[in-house]
Each structure stands twice: as structure tokens, then as C-alpha cells.
C-alpha atoms as a PDB file:
ATOM      1  CA  UNK A   1      31.068 -28.231 143.814  1.00  0.00           C
ATOM      2  CA  UNK A   2      31.422 -24.935 145.571  1.00  0.00           C
ATOM      3  CA  UNK A   3      27.676 -24.538 145.736  1.00  0.00           C
ATOM      4  CA  UNK A   4      27.326 -27.813 147.428  1.00  0.00           C
ATOM      5  CA  UNK A   5      30.012 -27.101 150.038  1.00  0.00           C
ATOM      6  CA  UNK A   6      28.340 -23.749 150.718  1.00  0.00           C
ATOM      7  CA  UNK A   7      24.943 -25.389 151.363  1.00  0.00           C
ATOM      8  CA  UNK A   8      26.331 -28.063 153.659  1.00  0.00           C
ATOM      9  CA  UNK A   9      28.354 -25.622 155.736  1.00  0.00           C
ATOM     10  CA  UNK A  10      25.201 -23.221 155.932  1.00  0.00           C
ATOM     11  CA  UNK A  11      23.165 -26.248 157.172  1.00  0.00           C
ATOM     12  CA  UNK A  12      25.815 -27.111 159.621  1.00  0.00           C
ATOM     13  CA  UNK A  13      25.794 -23.535 161.127  1.00  0.00           C
ATOM     14  CA  UNK A  14      21.905 -23.701 161.181  1.00  0.00           C
ATOM     15  CA  UNK A  15      21.788 -27.123 162.976  1.00  0.00           C
ATOM     16  CA  UNK A  16      24.494 -25.934 165.404  1.00  0.00           C
ATOM     17  CA  UNK A  17      22.475 -22.774 166.329  1.00  0.00           C
ATOM     18  CA  UNK A  18      19.245 -24.819 166.756  1.00  0.00           C
ATOM     19  CA  UNK A  19      21.401 -27.240 169.030  1.00  0.00           C
ATOM     20  CA  UNK A  20      22.560 -24.359 171.220  1.00  0.00           C
ATOM     21  CA  UNK A  21      19.011 -22.853 171.598  1.00  0.00           C
ATOM     22  CA  UNK A  22      17.909 -26.517 172.675  1.00  0.00           C
ATOM     23  CA  UNK A  23      15.625 -26.956 169.751  1.00  0.00           C
ATOM     24  CA  UNK A  24      17.432 -29.733 167.873  1.00  0.00           C
ATOM     25  CA  UNK A  25      19.398 -32.824 168.899  1.00  0.00           C
ATOM     26  CA  UNK A  26      22.725 -33.343 167.364  1.00  0.00           C
ATOM     27  CA  UNK A  27      21.884 -36.887 166.368  1.00  0.00           C
ATOM     28  CA  UNK A  28      18.829 -35.789 164.494  1.00  0.00           C
ATOM     29  CA  UNK A  29      20.770 -33.037 162.689  1.00  0.00           C
ATOM     30  CA  UNK A  30      23.349 -35.627 161.637  1.00  0.00           C
ATOM     31  CA  UNK A  31      20.663 -37.882 160.333  1.00  0.00           C
ATOM     32  CA  UNK A  32      19.156 -35.030 158.466  1.00  0.00           C
ATOM     33  CA  UNK A  33      22.373 -33.970 156.995  1.00  0.00           C
ATOM     34  CA  UNK A  34      23.136 -37.730 155.964  1.00  0.00           C
ATOM     35  CA  UNK A  35      19.891 -37.580 154.084  1.00  0.00           C
ATOM     36  CA  UNK A  36      20.164 -34.225 152.534  1.00  0.00           C
ATOM     37  CA  UNK A  37      23.842 -34.359 151.181  1.00  0.00           C
ATOM     38  CA  UNK A  38      23.150 -36.819 148.539  1.00  0.00           C
ATOM     39  CA  UNK A  39      20.042 -35.078 147.369  1.00  0.00           C
ATOM     40  CA  UNK A  40      21.883 -31.723 147.301  1.00  0.00           C
ATOM     41  CA  UNK A  41      24.912 -33.272 145.636  1.00  0.00           C
ATOM     42  CA  UNK A  42      22.817 -34.614 142.852  1.00  0.00           C
ATOM     43  CA  UNK A  43      20.919 -31.391 142.342  1.00  0.00           C
ATOM     44  CA  UNK A  44      23.990 -29.251 142.210  1.00  0.00           C
ATOM     45  CA  UNK A  45      25.447 -31.875 139.715  1.00  0.00           C
ATOM     46  CA  UNK A  46      22.327 -31.922 137.602  1.00  0.00           C
ATOM     47  CA  UNK A  47      22.297 -28.058 137.449  1.00  0.00           C
ATOM     48  CA  UNK A  48      26.019 -28.008 136.537  1.00  0.00           C
ATOM     49  CA  UNK A  49      25.103 -30.374 133.464  1.00  0.00           C
ATOM     50  CA  UNK A  50      22.084 -28.350 132.862  1.00  0.00           C
ATOM     51  CA  UNK A  51      23.699 -25.058 132.406  1.00  0.00           C
ATOM     52  CA  UNK A  52      27.138 -26.235 131.014  1.00  0.00           C
ATOM     53  CA  UNK A  53      27.847 -24.917 127.644  1.00  0.00           C
ATOM     54  CA  UNK A  54      28.432 -27.984 125.653  1.00  0.00           C
ATOM     55  CA  UNK A  55      29.557 -26.159 122.374  1.00  0.00           C
ATOM     56  CA  UNK A  56      32.685 -24.809 124.222  1.00  0.00           C
ATOM     57  CA  UNK A  57      34.231 -28.391 124.536  1.00  0.00           C
END
């Protein structure tokens, strides 16, 4: 969960700096975040289940 939050926060800062430089619209960055958030969440959850030690309980 922490990895998911860190990735989303870092994407937010990247999109905001691109907006400040005039290279990306905030509407487009919001749409990109809406598309990427479920993908990143599913991937981090799948990695958690993959690396979980099932024998520990």
C-alpha cells in the first residue's frame, strides 16, 4: 500500500512540474492518473500476494 501511495505522489509531482513548464495540461494529467491508478494498484497488490510468505500464517 505504501508503494502505491508513493508512486501516485511521485506521479503527481511529475505532472505538476510538467504543468508549470507548460508541457502538460492538468485535465490530461488527471485523466492519465485516473487510468494509471487502478493499474498501479492492481500491480502492487499482485506483487504483495506474490512475495507474501504463505507459510508464516
